[in-house]
Amino acid sequence: MDPKYPTAEHEAAAHAAVDFFAGKPETQAVLLTCSCAREKASRDSCLDITVLVLPGTDQAAVKRAWSGFSETQDVFTAVRQVGEYSHVDLELTDGCFAPGYHGWTSGPDNFELEIGNTLAYTVPLWQKGDCLQRLKDQWLPYYNETLRKERLAMVVRYCLNNLDHISLFVDRGLYFQAFDRLYHALGEFLQALFISRRTYPIAYDKWVKEQIVEILGLPKLYPQLPRLLEIRNFESQEIALRAEDLRRLLEEYVIE
């Protein structure tokens, strides 16, 4: 599939990035990711590129080489000038996906995001060998059922913990902390929702309507989500009430 870039400058920068990394022996694939890959980008969007490299690659050295190259090329200057925030956002991965830190107050972790945004929602611009295909065979359409059940139980536990703390903070007048816990719980609800449906997410803080309505096919759920953060009287019981609304959604849509 040929990608459709928001501007000619984005396209030219993508070709230049491919030319640079295709000449590196450690490079296994160059992937267009995020909004450009999904044809949702505007002229202000970053050009998101993920480079799949061999395990054991000195990624810091690769990034230094890329930085020295990209800072001197007119094609990358042009893409920085075409939009207010447009630039090449480069990521390196060796495809060794593993769950990271998920704490009681950290909000959702990035495990499913990393897999989805590397393998499920990307457009390969260049590849060699079968490294990329082997990763897709391993991780798509979803990871194994044992891990899925473990991950779902873990995320639900953290989500409920955040929800359980909210009324306590409200009663103590700690409204900003209560709201922070509500926001983290909402992110964990979205994470658990995707895990429960064996679908990789794109993000938990943007493209939410697209993901809920188009990817998960839950149009009746989406209108209930913005309301969870619509607090008219911040220093009141409203945050605690929204927490109970989210708890009901968790029980209805997620808990197996």
C-alpha atoms as a PDB file:
ATOM      1  CA  MET A   1       0.000   0.000   0.000  1.00  0.00           C
ATOM      2  CA  ASP A   2       1.400   3.379  -0.996  1.00  0.00           C
ATOM      3  CA  PRO A   3       1.047   5.895   1.841  1.00  0.00           C
ATOM      4  CA  LYS A   4      -0.675   9.228   1.321  1.00  0.00           C
ATOM      5  CA  TYR A   5       1.341  11.993   2.945  1.00  0.00           C
ATOM      6  CA  PRO A   6      -0.160  15.313   4.053  1.00  0.00           C
ATOM      7  CA  THR A   7       2.467  17.323   2.136  1.00  0.00           C
ATOM      8  CA  ALA A   8       5.165  16.798  -0.461  1.00  0.00           C
ATOM      9  CA  GLU A   9       7.697  17.747   2.215  1.00  0.00           C
ATOM     10  CA  HIS A  10       6.579  14.858   4.441  1.00  0.00           C
ATOM     11  CA  GLU A  11       6.886  12.466   1.522  1.00  0.00           C
ATOM     12  CA  ALA A  12      10.350  13.678   0.542  1.00  0.00           C
ATOM     13  CA  ALA A  13      11.556  13.361   4.130  1.00  0.00           C
ATOM     14  CA  ALA A  14      10.203   9.802   4.307  1.00  0.00           C
ATOM     15  CA  HIS A  15      12.105   8.821   1.170  1.00  0.00           C
ATOM     16  CA  ALA A  16      15.290  10.376   2.544  1.00  0.00           C
ATOM     17  CA  ALA A  17      14.924   8.490   5.821  1.00  0.00           C
ATOM     18  CA  VAL A  18      14.464   5.220   3.934  1.00  0.00           C
ATOM     19  CA  ASP A  19      17.560   5.895   1.849  1.00  0.00           C
ATOM     20  CA  PHE A  20      19.599   6.547   4.981  1.00  0.00           C
ATOM     21  CA  PHE A  21      18.519   3.481   6.960  1.00  0.00           C
ATOM     22  CA  ALA A  22      18.403   1.058   4.033  1.00  0.00           C
ATOM     23  CA  GLY A  23      22.174   1.399   3.820  1.00  0.00           C
ATOM     24  CA  LYS A  24      22.677   0.262   7.419  1.00  0.00           C
ATOM     25  CA  PRO A  25      23.372  -3.471   7.903  1.00  0.00           C
ATOM     26  CA  GLU A  26      21.438  -3.592  11.169  1.00  0.00           C
ATOM     27  CA  THR A  27      18.244  -2.229   9.591  1.00  0.00           C
ATOM     28  CA  GLN A  28      15.531  -4.828   8.989  1.00  0.00           C
ATOM     29  CA  ALA A  29      12.612  -2.548   8.145  1.00  0.00           C
ATOM     30  CA  VAL A  30      11.624   1.108   7.962  1.00  0.00           C
ATOM     31  CA  LEU A  31       8.012   1.683   9.015  1.00  0.00           C
ATOM     32  CA  LEU A  32       5.705   4.661   8.629  1.00  0.00           C
ATOM     33  CA  THR A  33       3.629   4.923  11.799  1.00  0.00           C
ATOM     34  CA  CYS A  34       0.981   6.964  13.609  1.00  0.00           C
ATOM     35  CA  SER A  35      -1.231   9.482  11.788  1.00  0.00           C
ATOM     36  CA  CYS A  36       0.683   9.455   8.490  1.00  0.00           C
ATOM     37  CA  ALA A  37       0.377   5.671   8.280  1.00  0.00           C
ATOM     38  CA  ARG A  38      -3.371   5.892   8.900  1.00  0.00           C
ATOM     39  CA  GLU A  39      -3.869   8.832   6.495  1.00  0.00           C
ATOM     40  CA  LYS A  40      -5.014  11.064   9.357  1.00  0.00           C
ATOM     41  CA  ALA A  41      -2.111  13.517   9.287  1.00  0.00           C
ATOM     42  CA  SER A  42      -2.183  17.259   8.618  1.00  0.00           C
ATOM     43  CA  ARG A  43       0.649  19.541   7.526  1.00  0.00           C
ATOM     44  CA  ASP A  44       1.389  20.173  11.225  1.00  0.00           C
ATOM     45  CA  SER A  45       1.775  16.451  11.971  1.00  0.00           C
ATOM     46  CA  CYS A  46       5.068  14.756  12.721  1.00  0.00           C
ATOM     47  CA  LEU A  47       6.445  12.281  10.232  1.00  0.00           C
ATOM     48  CA  ASP A  48       6.651   9.265  12.543  1.00  0.00           C
ATOM     49  CA  ILE A  49       9.182   6.653  11.477  1.00  0.00           C
ATOM     50  CA  THR A  50      10.055   3.443  13.326  1.00  0.00           C
ATOM     51  CA  VAL A  51      13.174   1.550  12.299  1.00  0.00           C
ATOM     52  CA  LEU A  52      13.343  -2.158  13.104  1.00  0.00           C
ATOM     53  CA  VAL A  53      16.928  -3.160  13.884  1.00  0.00           C
ATOM     54  CA  LEU A  54      18.618  -6.399  14.835  1.00  0.00           C
ATOM     55  CA  PRO A  55      18.718  -7.336  18.534  1.00  0.00           C
ATOM     56  CA  GLY A  56      22.008  -6.255  20.051  1.00  0.00           C
ATOM     57  CA  THR A  57      22.271  -3.162  17.874  1.00  0.00           C
ATOM     58  CA  ASP A  58      23.896  -0.150  19.525  1.00  0.00           C
ATOM     59  CA  GLN A  59      20.795   1.997  19.204  1.00  0.00           C
ATOM     60  CA  ALA A  60      22.437   5.048  20.738  1.00  0.00           C
ATOM     61  CA  ALA A  61      25.080   4.986  18.007  1.00  0.00           C
ATOM     62  CA  VAL A  62      22.424   4.652  15.312  1.00  0.00           C
ATOM     63  CA  LYS A  63      20.543   7.616  16.732  1.00  0.00           C
ATOM     64  CA  ARG A  64      23.708   9.717  16.818  1.00  0.00           C
ATOM     65  CA  ALA A  65      24.399   8.904  13.178  1.00  0.00           C
ATOM     66  CA  TRP A  66      20.829   9.780  12.264  1.00  0.00           C
ATOM     67  CA  SER A  67      20.968  13.055  14.185  1.00  0.00           C
ATOM     68  CA  GLY A  68      24.173  14.096  12.453  1.00  0.00           C
ATOM     69  CA  PHE A  69      22.676  13.255   9.059  1.00  0.00           C
ATOM     70  CA  SER A  70      19.189  14.705   9.510  1.00  0.00           C
ATOM     71  CA  GLU A  71      20.391  18.016  10.933  1.00  0.00           C
ATOM     72  CA  THR A  72      22.388  18.779   7.786  1.00  0.00           C
ATOM     73  CA  GLN A  73      19.880  17.819   5.084  1.00  0.00           C
ATOM     74  CA  ASP A  74      17.609  20.377   3.455  1.00  0.00           C
ATOM     75  CA  VAL A  75      14.807  17.837   3.070  1.00  0.00           C
ATOM     76  CA  PHE A  76      14.421  17.608   6.841  1.00  0.00           C
ATOM     77  CA  THR A  77      14.647  21.358   7.262  1.00  0.00           C
ATOM     78  CA  ALA A  78      11.789  21.649   4.771  1.00  0.00           C
ATOM     79  CA  VAL A  79       9.506  19.315   6.693  1.00  0.00           C
ATOM     80  CA  ARG A  80      10.208  21.239   9.908  1.00  0.00           C
ATOM     81  CA  GLN A  81       9.139  24.438   8.166  1.00  0.00           C
ATOM     82  CA  VAL A  82       5.991  23.167   6.451  1.00  0.00           C
ATOM     83  CA  GLY A  83       3.935  23.010   9.661  1.00  0.00           C
ATOM     84  CA  GLU A  84       4.050  24.507  13.114  1.00  0.00           C
ATOM     85  CA  TYR A  85       5.146  21.276  14.807  1.00  0.00           C
ATOM     86  CA  SER A  86       6.074  19.080  11.847  1.00  0.00           C
ATOM     87  CA  HIS A  87       9.346  17.170  12.004  1.00  0.00           C
ATOM     88  CA  VAL A  88      10.646  13.619  11.719  1.00  0.00           C
ATOM     89  CA  ASP A  89       9.983  11.703  14.932  1.00  0.00           C
ATOM     90  CA  LEU A  90      12.250   8.665  14.847  1.00  0.00           C
ATOM     91  CA  GLU A  91      11.957   5.520  16.966  1.00  0.00           C
ATOM     92  CA  LEU A  92      14.178   2.443  16.975  1.00  0.00           C
ATOM     93  CA  THR A  93      13.029  -1.010  18.040  1.00  0.00           C
ATOM     94  CA  ASP A  94      14.508  -4.470  18.024  1.00  0.00           C
ATOM     95  CA  GLY A  95      11.059  -6.059  18.267  1.00  0.00           C
ATOM     96  CA  CYS A  96      11.725  -7.547  21.702  1.00  0.00           C
ATOM     97  CA  PHE A  97       8.412  -6.482  23.224  1.00  0.00           C
ATOM     98  CA  ALA A  98       7.997  -6.947  26.969  1.00  0.00           C
ATOM     99  CA  PRO A  99       5.640  -5.465  29.575  1.00  0.00           C
ATOM    100  CA  GLY A 100       7.091  -2.467  31.345  1.00  0.00           C
ATOM    101  CA  TYR A 101       6.343  -0.671  34.578  1.00  0.00           C
ATOM    102  CA  HIS A 102       2.731  -0.233  35.624  1.00  0.00           C
ATOM    103  CA  GLY A 103       2.411   1.318  39.063  1.00  0.00           C
ATOM    104  CA  TRP A 104      -0.495   2.158  41.310  1.00  0.00           C
ATOM    105  CA  THR A 105      -0.468   5.800  40.210  1.00  0.00           C
ATOM    106  CA  SER A 106       1.274   5.660  36.822  1.00  0.00           C
ATOM    107  CA  GLY A 107      -1.746   5.144  34.598  1.00  0.00           C
ATOM    108  CA  PRO A 108      -1.676   2.644  31.720  1.00  0.00           C
ATOM    109  CA  ASP A 109       1.625   1.206  30.553  1.00  0.00           C
ATOM    110  CA  ASN A 110       2.796   1.076  26.936  1.00  0.00           C
ATOM    111  CA  PHE A 111       3.028  -2.664  26.184  1.00  0.00           C
ATOM    112  CA  GLU A 112       0.022  -2.970  23.882  1.00  0.00           C
ATOM    113  CA  LEU A 113       0.671   0.486  22.403  1.00  0.00           C
ATOM    114  CA  GLU A 114       4.199  -0.478  21.366  1.00  0.00           C
ATOM    115  CA  ILE A 115       3.090  -3.655  19.637  1.00  0.00           C
ATOM    116  CA  GLY A 116       0.133  -2.061  17.891  1.00  0.00           C
ATOM    117  CA  ASN A 117       2.014   1.004  16.702  1.00  0.00           C
ATOM    118  CA  THR A 118       4.921  -1.096  15.459  1.00  0.00           C
ATOM    119  CA  LEU A 119       3.096  -3.976  13.810  1.00  0.00           C
ATOM    120  CA  ALA A 120      -0.654  -3.405  13.474  1.00  0.00           C
ATOM    121  CA  TYR A 121      -1.000   0.238  12.407  1.00  0.00           C
ATOM    122  CA  THR A 122       2.072   0.752  10.238  1.00  0.00           C
ATOM    123  CA  VAL A 123       3.000   0.903   6.586  1.00  0.00           C
ATOM    124  CA  PRO A 124       6.340  -0.743   5.681  1.00  0.00           C
ATOM    125  CA  LEU A 125       8.372   1.649   3.553  1.00  0.00           C
ATOM    126  CA  TRP A 126      11.317  -0.717   3.176  1.00  0.00           C
ATOM    127  CA  GLN A 127      12.280  -4.128   4.532  1.00  0.00           C
ATOM    128  CA  LYS A 128      14.682  -6.968   3.990  1.00  0.00           C
ATOM    129  CA  GLY A 129      14.539 -10.584   5.067  1.00  0.00           C
ATOM    130  CA  ASP A 130      11.696 -11.989   7.122  1.00  0.00           C
ATOM    131  CA  CYS A 131      12.302 -10.287  10.480  1.00  0.00           C
ATOM    132  CA  LEU A 132       9.212  -8.081  10.257  1.00  0.00           C
ATOM    133  CA  GLN A 133       7.011 -10.941   9.101  1.00  0.00           C
ATOM    134  CA  ARG A 134       8.216 -13.190  11.917  1.00  0.00           C
ATOM    135  CA  LEU A 135       7.268 -10.517  14.437  1.00  0.00           C
ATOM    136  CA  LYS A 136       3.825 -10.186  12.884  1.00  0.00           C
ATOM    137  CA  ASP A 137       3.367 -13.951  12.993  1.00  0.00           C
ATOM    138  CA  GLN A 138       4.276 -13.904  16.682  1.00  0.00           C
ATOM    139  CA  TRP A 139       2.220 -10.928  17.845  1.00  0.00           C
ATOM    140  CA  LEU A 140      -0.688 -10.587  15.407  1.00  0.00           C
ATOM    141  CA  PRO A 141      -3.624 -10.659  15.514  1.00  0.00           C
ATOM    142  CA  TYR A 142      -2.953 -10.653  19.282  1.00  0.00           C
ATOM    143  CA  TYR A 143      -0.624 -12.098  21.868  1.00  0.00           C
ATOM    144  CA  ASN A 144      -1.262 -15.444  23.584  1.00  0.00           C
ATOM    145  CA  GLU A 145      -4.314 -16.074  25.755  1.00  0.00           C
ATOM    146  CA  THR A 146      -2.409 -16.803  28.958  1.00  0.00           C
ATOM    147  CA  LEU A 147      -0.642 -13.457  28.819  1.00  0.00           C
ATOM    148  CA  ARG A 148      -3.856 -11.717  27.808  1.00  0.00           C
ATOM    149  CA  LYS A 149      -5.716 -12.958  30.903  1.00  0.00           C
ATOM    150  CA  GLU A 150      -2.805 -11.987  33.147  1.00  0.00           C
ATOM    151  CA  ARG A 151      -2.600  -8.527  31.620  1.00  0.00           C
ATOM    152  CA  LEU A 152      -6.352  -7.963  31.803  1.00  0.00           C
ATOM    153  CA  ALA A 153      -6.527  -8.939  35.472  1.00  0.00           C
ATOM    154  CA  MET A 154      -3.568  -6.678  36.266  1.00  0.00           C
ATOM    155  CA  VAL A 155      -4.954  -3.620  34.485  1.00  0.00           C
ATOM    156  CA  VAL A 156      -8.426  -4.061  36.021  1.00  0.00           C
ATOM    157  CA  ARG A 157      -6.817  -4.293  39.474  1.00  0.00           C
ATOM    158  CA  TYR A 158      -4.967  -1.017  38.995  1.00  0.00           C
ATOM    159  CA  CYS A 159      -8.044   0.665  37.534  1.00  0.00           C
ATOM    160  CA  LEU A 160     -10.181  -0.365  40.503  1.00  0.00           C
ATOM    161  CA  ASN A 161      -7.492   0.798  42.907  1.00  0.00           C
ATOM    162  CA  ASN A 162      -7.568   4.260  41.355  1.00  0.00           C
ATOM    163  CA  LEU A 163     -11.362   4.338  41.476  1.00  0.00           C
ATOM    164  CA  ASP A 164     -11.400   3.201  45.120  1.00  0.00           C
ATOM    165  CA  HIS A 165      -9.159   6.116  46.141  1.00  0.00           C
ATOM    166  CA  ILE A 166     -11.194   8.864  44.501  1.00  0.00           C
ATOM    167  CA  SER A 167     -13.986   9.269  47.064  1.00  0.00           C
ATOM    168  CA  LEU A 168     -11.402   9.212  49.864  1.00  0.00           C
ATOM    169  CA  PHE A 169      -9.491  12.087  48.264  1.00  0.00           C
ATOM    170  CA  VAL A 170     -12.694  14.029  47.597  1.00  0.00           C
ATOM    171  CA  ASP A 171     -13.706  13.680  51.257  1.00  0.00           C
ATOM    172  CA  ARG A 172     -10.313  15.115  52.247  1.00  0.00           C
ATOM    173  CA  GLY A 173     -10.659  18.032  49.820  1.00  0.00           C
ATOM    174  CA  LEU A 174      -7.868  16.708  47.588  1.00  0.00           C
ATOM    175  CA  TYR A 175      -9.761  17.381  44.393  1.00  0.00           C
ATOM    176  CA  PHE A 176      -6.814  17.635  42.013  1.00  0.00           C
ATOM    177  CA  GLN A 177      -5.474  14.301  43.227  1.00  0.00           C
ATOM    178  CA  ALA A 178      -8.946  12.789  42.871  1.00  0.00           C
ATOM    179  CA  PHE A 179      -9.184  14.052  39.298  1.00  0.00           C
ATOM    180  CA  ASP A 180      -5.709  12.747  38.526  1.00  0.00           C
ATOM    181  CA  ARG A 181      -6.777   9.300  39.742  1.00  0.00           C
ATOM    182  CA  LEU A 182      -9.938   9.525  37.631  1.00  0.00           C
ATOM    183  CA  TYR A 183      -7.908  10.344  34.513  1.00  0.00           C
ATOM    184  CA  HIS A 184      -5.522   7.449  35.151  1.00  0.00           C
ATOM    185  CA  ALA A 185      -8.458   5.118  35.752  1.00  0.00           C
ATOM    186  CA  LEU A 186     -10.007   6.175  32.449  1.00  0.00           C
ATOM    187  CA  GLY A 187      -6.750   5.349  30.652  1.00  0.00           C
ATOM    188  CA  GLU A 188      -6.661   1.969  32.367  1.00  0.00           C
ATOM    189  CA  PHE A 189     -10.279   1.366  31.430  1.00  0.00           C
ATOM    190  CA  LEU A 190      -9.372   1.942  27.784  1.00  0.00           C
ATOM    191  CA  GLN A 191      -6.350  -0.324  28.119  1.00  0.00           C
ATOM    192  CA  ALA A 192      -8.458  -3.080  29.678  1.00  0.00           C
ATOM    193  CA  LEU A 193     -11.198  -2.569  27.091  1.00  0.00           C
ATOM    194  CA  PHE A 194      -8.785  -3.252  24.243  1.00  0.00           C
ATOM    195  CA  ILE A 195      -7.219  -6.232  26.015  1.00  0.00           C
ATOM    196  CA  SER A 196     -10.650  -7.718  26.659  1.00  0.00           C
ATOM    197  CA  ARG A 197     -11.402  -7.501  22.930  1.00  0.00           C
ATOM    198  CA  ARG A 198      -8.013  -8.801  21.798  1.00  0.00           C
ATOM    199  CA  THR A 199      -7.310  -5.611  19.838  1.00  0.00           C
ATOM    200  CA  TYR A 200      -4.263  -3.370  19.931  1.00  0.00           C
ATOM    201  CA  PRO A 201      -4.848   0.325  20.707  1.00  0.00           C
ATOM    202  CA  ILE A 202      -3.365   3.366  18.991  1.00  0.00           C
ATOM    203  CA  ALA A 203      -3.332   5.659  22.023  1.00  0.00           C
ATOM    204  CA  TYR A 204      -5.257   6.271  25.221  1.00  0.00           C
ATOM    205  CA  ASP A 205      -5.273  10.070  25.005  1.00  0.00           C
ATOM    206  CA  LYS A 206      -6.021  10.777  21.336  1.00  0.00           C
ATOM    207  CA  TRP A 207      -7.968   9.252  18.445  1.00  0.00           C
ATOM    208  CA  VAL A 208     -10.283   7.888  21.128  1.00  0.00           C
ATOM    209  CA  LYS A 209     -13.484   8.276  19.125  1.00  0.00           C
ATOM    210  CA  GLU A 210     -11.946   6.593  16.072  1.00  0.00           C
ATOM    211  CA  GLN A 211     -10.754   3.704  18.180  1.00  0.00           C
ATOM    212  CA  ILE A 212     -13.961   3.155  20.122  1.00  0.00           C
ATOM    213  CA  VAL A 213     -16.373   3.614  17.230  1.00  0.00           C
ATOM    214  CA  GLU A 214     -14.455   2.386  14.182  1.00  0.00           C
ATOM    215  CA  ILE A 215     -11.929  -0.112  15.523  1.00  0.00           C
ATOM    216  CA  LEU A 216     -13.853  -1.634  18.426  1.00  0.00           C
ATOM    217  CA  GLY A 217     -17.300  -1.044  16.952  1.00  0.00           C
ATOM    218  CA  LEU A 218     -18.786   0.378  20.171  1.00  0.00           C
ATOM    219  CA  PRO A 219     -20.633   3.553  19.082  1.00  0.00           C
ATOM    220  CA  LYS A 220     -22.922   3.524  22.136  1.00  0.00           C
ATOM    221  CA  LEU A 221     -19.961   3.550  24.500  1.00  0.00           C
ATOM    222  CA  TYR A 222     -18.121   6.560  23.130  1.00  0.00           C
ATOM    223  CA  PRO A 223     -20.589   9.343  24.162  1.00  0.00           C
ATOM    224  CA  GLN A 224     -20.300   8.155  27.765  1.00  0.00           C
ATOM    225  CA  LEU A 225     -16.529   8.692  27.896  1.00  0.00           C
ATOM    226  CA  PRO A 226     -16.237  12.505  27.499  1.00  0.00           C
ATOM    227  CA  ARG A 227     -18.901  12.899  30.181  1.00  0.00           C
ATOM    228  CA  LEU A 228     -16.608  11.229  32.708  1.00  0.00           C
ATOM    229  CA  LEU A 229     -14.349  14.287  32.618  1.00  0.00           C
ATOM    230  CA  GLU A 230     -17.072  16.937  32.426  1.00  0.00           C
ATOM    231  CA  ILE A 231     -16.919  18.369  35.954  1.00  0.00           C
ATOM    232  CA  ARG A 232     -18.995  21.503  36.508  1.00  0.00           C
ATOM    233  CA  ASN A 233     -18.212  22.048  40.191  1.00  0.00           C
ATOM    234  CA  PHE A 234     -14.659  20.850  40.748  1.00  0.00           C
ATOM    235  CA  GLU A 235     -14.678  21.117  44.549  1.00  0.00           C
ATOM    236  CA  SER A 236     -17.666  18.859  45.075  1.00  0.00           C
ATOM    237  CA  GLN A 237     -18.713  15.217  44.968  1.00  0.00           C
ATOM    238  CA  GLU A 238     -18.857  15.285  41.149  1.00  0.00           C
ATOM    239  CA  ILE A 239     -15.468  13.631  40.662  1.00  0.00           C
ATOM    240  CA  ALA A 240     -16.527  10.786  42.974  1.00  0.00           C
ATOM    241  CA  LEU A 241     -19.782  10.407  41.034  1.00  0.00           C
ATOM    242  CA  ARG A 242     -17.892  10.222  37.725  1.00  0.00           C
ATOM    243  CA  ALA A 243     -15.703   7.537  39.289  1.00  0.00           C
ATOM    244  CA  GLU A 244     -18.796   5.459  39.983  1.00  0.00           C
ATOM    245  CA  ASP A 245     -19.944   5.971  36.401  1.00  0.00           C
ATOM    246  CA  LEU A 246     -16.596   4.660  35.195  1.00  0.00           C
ATOM    247  CA  ARG A 247     -16.814   1.703  37.563  1.00  0.00           C
ATOM    248  CA  ARG A 248     -20.156   0.757  36.004  1.00  0.00           C
ATOM    249  CA  LEU A 249     -18.642   0.931  32.511  1.00  0.00           C
ATOM    250  CA  LEU A 250     -15.770  -1.259  33.649  1.00  0.00           C
ATOM    251  CA  GLU A 251     -18.227  -3.861  34.938  1.00  0.00           C
ATOM    252  CA  GLU A 252     -20.359  -3.694  31.812  1.00  0.00           C
ATOM    253  CA  TYR A 253     -17.706  -3.688  29.114  1.00  0.00           C
ATOM    254  CA  VAL A 254     -14.589  -5.263  30.581  1.00  0.00           C
ATOM    255  CA  ILE A 255     -14.802  -7.510  33.605  1.00  0.00           C
ATOM    256  CA  GLU A 256     -15.128 -11.107  32.418  1.00  0.00           C
END
